[in-house]
């Protein structure tokens, strides 16, 4: 397992979804994007949603963990990314984290459509 180290906690990410550590370029903000999403960046030539599940914010981050969530590339960021040690830590369900953001986006879109009378 790979560990994401944040300011206040450490979580593990399954090798089932983790692909590789990638440099983080500029993160483009997206209006009304729900947390824990920070925005969008390009990783390995593809636009990727950037998730901050540890809630640390983004300024000092320079690397992220590229994950494959059912064919979607997602970058998960943390202060540090390491190989898992022997200490027990909580496991981050990247699929669930991505699903929460995706669900919130769909709900926002449905609300806008409703308000516009669509």
C-alpha atoms as a PDB file:
ATOM      1  CA  UNK A   1       0.000   0.000   0.000  1.00  0.00           C
ATOM      2  CA  UNK A   2       0.971   3.596  -0.530  1.00  0.00           C
ATOM      3  CA  UNK A   3       0.580   6.167   2.224  1.00  0.00           C
ATOM      4  CA  UNK A   4      -0.542   9.757   1.825  1.00  0.00           C
ATOM      5  CA  UNK A   5       0.900  11.884   4.610  1.00  0.00           C
ATOM      6  CA  UNK A   6      -0.986  15.026   5.571  1.00  0.00           C
ATOM      7  CA  UNK A   7      -0.606  17.645   8.289  1.00  0.00           C
ATOM      8  CA  UNK A   8      -2.892  15.831  10.722  1.00  0.00           C
ATOM      9  CA  UNK A   9      -3.218  12.250   9.503  1.00  0.00           C
ATOM     10  CA  UNK A  10      -1.892   9.459   7.316  1.00  0.00           C
ATOM     11  CA  UNK A  11      -4.039   7.263   5.053  1.00  0.00           C
ATOM     12  CA  UNK A  12      -3.267   4.312   2.841  1.00  0.00           C
ATOM     13  CA  UNK A  13      -4.325   3.922  -0.787  1.00  0.00           C
ATOM     14  CA  UNK A  14      -4.824   0.506  -2.296  1.00  0.00           C
ATOM     15  CA  UNK A  15      -2.529  -0.576  -5.108  1.00  0.00           C
ATOM     16  CA  UNK A  16      -5.726  -1.585  -6.910  1.00  0.00           C
ATOM     17  CA  UNK A  17      -6.360   2.079  -7.838  1.00  0.00           C
ATOM     18  CA  UNK A  18      -2.921   3.684  -7.344  1.00  0.00           C
ATOM     19  CA  UNK A  19      -0.864   3.917 -10.518  1.00  0.00           C
ATOM     20  CA  UNK A  20       2.173   6.132  -9.934  1.00  0.00           C
ATOM     21  CA  UNK A  21       3.481   9.308  -8.305  1.00  0.00           C
ATOM     22  CA  UNK A  22       3.258  12.254 -10.688  1.00  0.00           C
ATOM     23  CA  UNK A  23       4.399  15.881 -10.572  1.00  0.00           C
ATOM     24  CA  UNK A  24       1.602  18.363 -10.042  1.00  0.00           C
ATOM     25  CA  UNK A  25       1.409  21.221 -12.486  1.00  0.00           C
ATOM     26  CA  UNK A  26      -0.850  24.208 -12.044  1.00  0.00           C
ATOM     27  CA  UNK A  27      -4.253  23.376 -10.599  1.00  0.00           C
ATOM     28  CA  UNK A  28      -7.072  25.162 -12.406  1.00  0.00           C
ATOM     29  CA  UNK A  29      -9.965  26.169 -10.206  1.00  0.00           C
ATOM     30  CA  UNK A  30     -13.438  25.058 -11.269  1.00  0.00           C
ATOM     31  CA  UNK A  31     -16.369  27.180 -10.023  1.00  0.00           C
ATOM     32  CA  UNK A  32     -18.597  25.458  -7.445  1.00  0.00           C
ATOM     33  CA  UNK A  33     -16.444  22.319  -7.358  1.00  0.00           C
ATOM     34  CA  UNK A  34     -17.279  20.513  -4.094  1.00  0.00           C
ATOM     35  CA  UNK A  35     -14.668  19.459  -1.544  1.00  0.00           C
ATOM     36  CA  UNK A  36     -12.508  17.465  -1.403  1.00  0.00           C
ATOM     37  CA  UNK A  37     -11.877  18.411  -5.048  1.00  0.00           C
ATOM     38  CA  UNK A  38      -9.370  21.237  -5.568  1.00  0.00           C
ATOM     39  CA  UNK A  39      -9.682  21.659  -9.327  1.00  0.00           C
ATOM     40  CA  UNK A  40      -8.235  20.140 -12.462  1.00  0.00           C
ATOM     41  CA  UNK A  41      -4.646  19.553 -13.549  1.00  0.00           C
ATOM     42  CA  UNK A  42      -2.899  17.750 -16.391  1.00  0.00           C
ATOM     43  CA  UNK A  43      -1.108  14.514 -15.535  1.00  0.00           C
ATOM     44  CA  UNK A  44       0.535  12.377 -18.186  1.00  0.00           C
ATOM     45  CA  UNK A  45      -1.117  14.448 -20.901  1.00  0.00           C
ATOM     46  CA  UNK A  46      -4.684  14.018 -19.610  1.00  0.00           C
ATOM     47  CA  UNK A  47      -6.895  16.383 -17.632  1.00  0.00           C
ATOM     48  CA  UNK A  48      -7.444  14.968 -14.152  1.00  0.00           C
ATOM     49  CA  UNK A  49      -9.619  15.906 -11.220  1.00  0.00           C
ATOM     50  CA  UNK A  50      -7.453  16.792  -8.197  1.00  0.00           C
ATOM     51  CA  UNK A  51      -8.683  15.484  -4.833  1.00  0.00           C
ATOM     52  CA  UNK A  52      -7.459  16.631  -1.426  1.00  0.00           C
ATOM     53  CA  UNK A  53      -8.992  14.022   0.898  1.00  0.00           C
ATOM     54  CA  UNK A  54      -6.759  15.045   3.813  1.00  0.00           C
ATOM     55  CA  UNK A  55      -7.989  18.642   3.622  1.00  0.00           C
ATOM     56  CA  UNK A  56      -4.529  20.169   3.814  1.00  0.00           C
ATOM     57  CA  UNK A  57      -4.910  22.696   0.973  1.00  0.00           C
ATOM     58  CA  UNK A  58      -2.619  22.770  -2.028  1.00  0.00           C
ATOM     59  CA  UNK A  59       0.096  25.464  -1.901  1.00  0.00           C
ATOM     60  CA  UNK A  60       3.157  23.421  -0.903  1.00  0.00           C
ATOM     61  CA  UNK A  61       2.269  20.298  -2.851  1.00  0.00           C
ATOM     62  CA  UNK A  62       4.472  19.283  -5.729  1.00  0.00           C
ATOM     63  CA  UNK A  63       3.565  15.612  -6.256  1.00  0.00           C
ATOM     64  CA  UNK A  64       0.380  13.631  -6.345  1.00  0.00           C
ATOM     65  CA  UNK A  65      -0.720  10.052  -6.683  1.00  0.00           C
ATOM     66  CA  UNK A  66      -2.297   9.243 -10.033  1.00  0.00           C
ATOM     67  CA  UNK A  67      -5.184   6.840  -9.501  1.00  0.00           C
ATOM     68  CA  UNK A  68      -7.453   4.990 -11.889  1.00  0.00           C
ATOM     69  CA  UNK A  69     -11.066   5.093 -10.761  1.00  0.00           C
ATOM     70  CA  UNK A  70     -12.941   2.842 -13.171  1.00  0.00           C
ATOM     71  CA  UNK A  71     -11.144   4.325 -16.177  1.00  0.00           C
ATOM     72  CA  UNK A  72     -11.083   7.928 -14.918  1.00  0.00           C
ATOM     73  CA  UNK A  73      -7.703   9.401 -14.011  1.00  0.00           C
ATOM     74  CA  UNK A  74      -7.751  11.186 -10.660  1.00  0.00           C
ATOM     75  CA  UNK A  75      -4.843  12.800  -8.841  1.00  0.00           C
ATOM     76  CA  UNK A  76      -4.865  12.555  -5.054  1.00  0.00           C
ATOM     77  CA  UNK A  77      -2.568  15.010  -3.287  1.00  0.00           C
ATOM     78  CA  UNK A  78      -0.850  15.050   0.094  1.00  0.00           C
ATOM     79  CA  UNK A  79       2.188  16.649   1.722  1.00  0.00           C
ATOM     80  CA  UNK A  80       4.171  13.465   1.202  1.00  0.00           C
ATOM     81  CA  UNK A  81       3.656  10.105  -0.484  1.00  0.00           C
ATOM     82  CA  UNK A  82       5.489   7.071   0.913  1.00  0.00           C
ATOM     83  CA  UNK A  83       5.389   3.287   0.866  1.00  0.00           C
ATOM     84  CA  UNK A  84       3.222   1.937   3.677  1.00  0.00           C
ATOM     85  CA  UNK A  85       4.910   1.025   6.899  1.00  0.00           C
ATOM     86  CA  UNK A  86       3.908  -1.353   9.657  1.00  0.00           C
ATOM     87  CA  UNK A  87       1.850   1.213  11.559  1.00  0.00           C
ATOM     88  CA  UNK A  88      -1.896   0.676  11.224  1.00  0.00           C
ATOM     89  CA  UNK A  89      -3.540   3.549   9.324  1.00  0.00           C
ATOM     90  CA  UNK A  90      -6.942   4.143   7.857  1.00  0.00           C
ATOM     91  CA  UNK A  91      -7.481   3.225   4.202  1.00  0.00           C
ATOM     92  CA  UNK A  92      -8.730   5.904   1.840  1.00  0.00           C
ATOM     93  CA  UNK A  93     -11.419   4.677  -0.541  1.00  0.00           C
ATOM     94  CA  UNK A  94     -10.483   6.755  -3.596  1.00  0.00           C
ATOM     95  CA  UNK A  95     -13.500   5.447  -5.526  1.00  0.00           C
ATOM     96  CA  UNK A  96     -15.885   6.620  -2.791  1.00  0.00           C
ATOM     97  CA  UNK A  97     -14.126   9.994  -2.538  1.00  0.00           C
ATOM     98  CA  UNK A  98     -14.405  10.492  -6.307  1.00  0.00           C
ATOM     99  CA  UNK A  99     -18.018   9.274  -6.232  1.00  0.00           C
ATOM    100  CA  UNK A 100     -18.958  11.850  -3.588  1.00  0.00           C
ATOM    101  CA  UNK A 101     -17.562  14.661  -5.725  1.00  0.00           C
ATOM    102  CA  UNK A 102     -19.188  13.314  -8.879  1.00  0.00           C
ATOM    103  CA  UNK A 103     -22.544  12.935  -7.072  1.00  0.00           C
ATOM    104  CA  UNK A 104     -22.360  16.497  -5.746  1.00  0.00           C
ATOM    105  CA  UNK A 105     -21.622  17.795  -9.257  1.00  0.00           C
ATOM    106  CA  UNK A 106     -24.640  15.920 -10.669  1.00  0.00           C
ATOM    107  CA  UNK A 107     -26.824  17.302  -7.866  1.00  0.00           C
ATOM    108  CA  UNK A 108     -25.634  20.868  -8.585  1.00  0.00           C
ATOM    109  CA  UNK A 109     -26.376  20.417 -12.281  1.00  0.00           C
ATOM    110  CA  UNK A 110     -29.835  19.018 -11.539  1.00  0.00           C
ATOM    111  CA  UNK A 111     -30.558  21.957  -9.228  1.00  0.00           C
ATOM    112  CA  UNK A 112     -29.485  24.464 -11.888  1.00  0.00           C
ATOM    113  CA  UNK A 113     -31.629  22.712 -14.508  1.00  0.00           C
ATOM    114  CA  UNK A 114     -34.610  22.765 -12.137  1.00  0.00           C
ATOM    115  CA  UNK A 115     -34.128  26.460 -11.412  1.00  0.00           C
ATOM    116  CA  UNK A 116     -33.937  27.210 -15.137  1.00  0.00           C
ATOM    117  CA  UNK A 117     -37.130  25.278 -15.748  1.00  0.00           C
ATOM    118  CA  UNK A 118     -35.567  22.516 -17.818  1.00  0.00           C
END
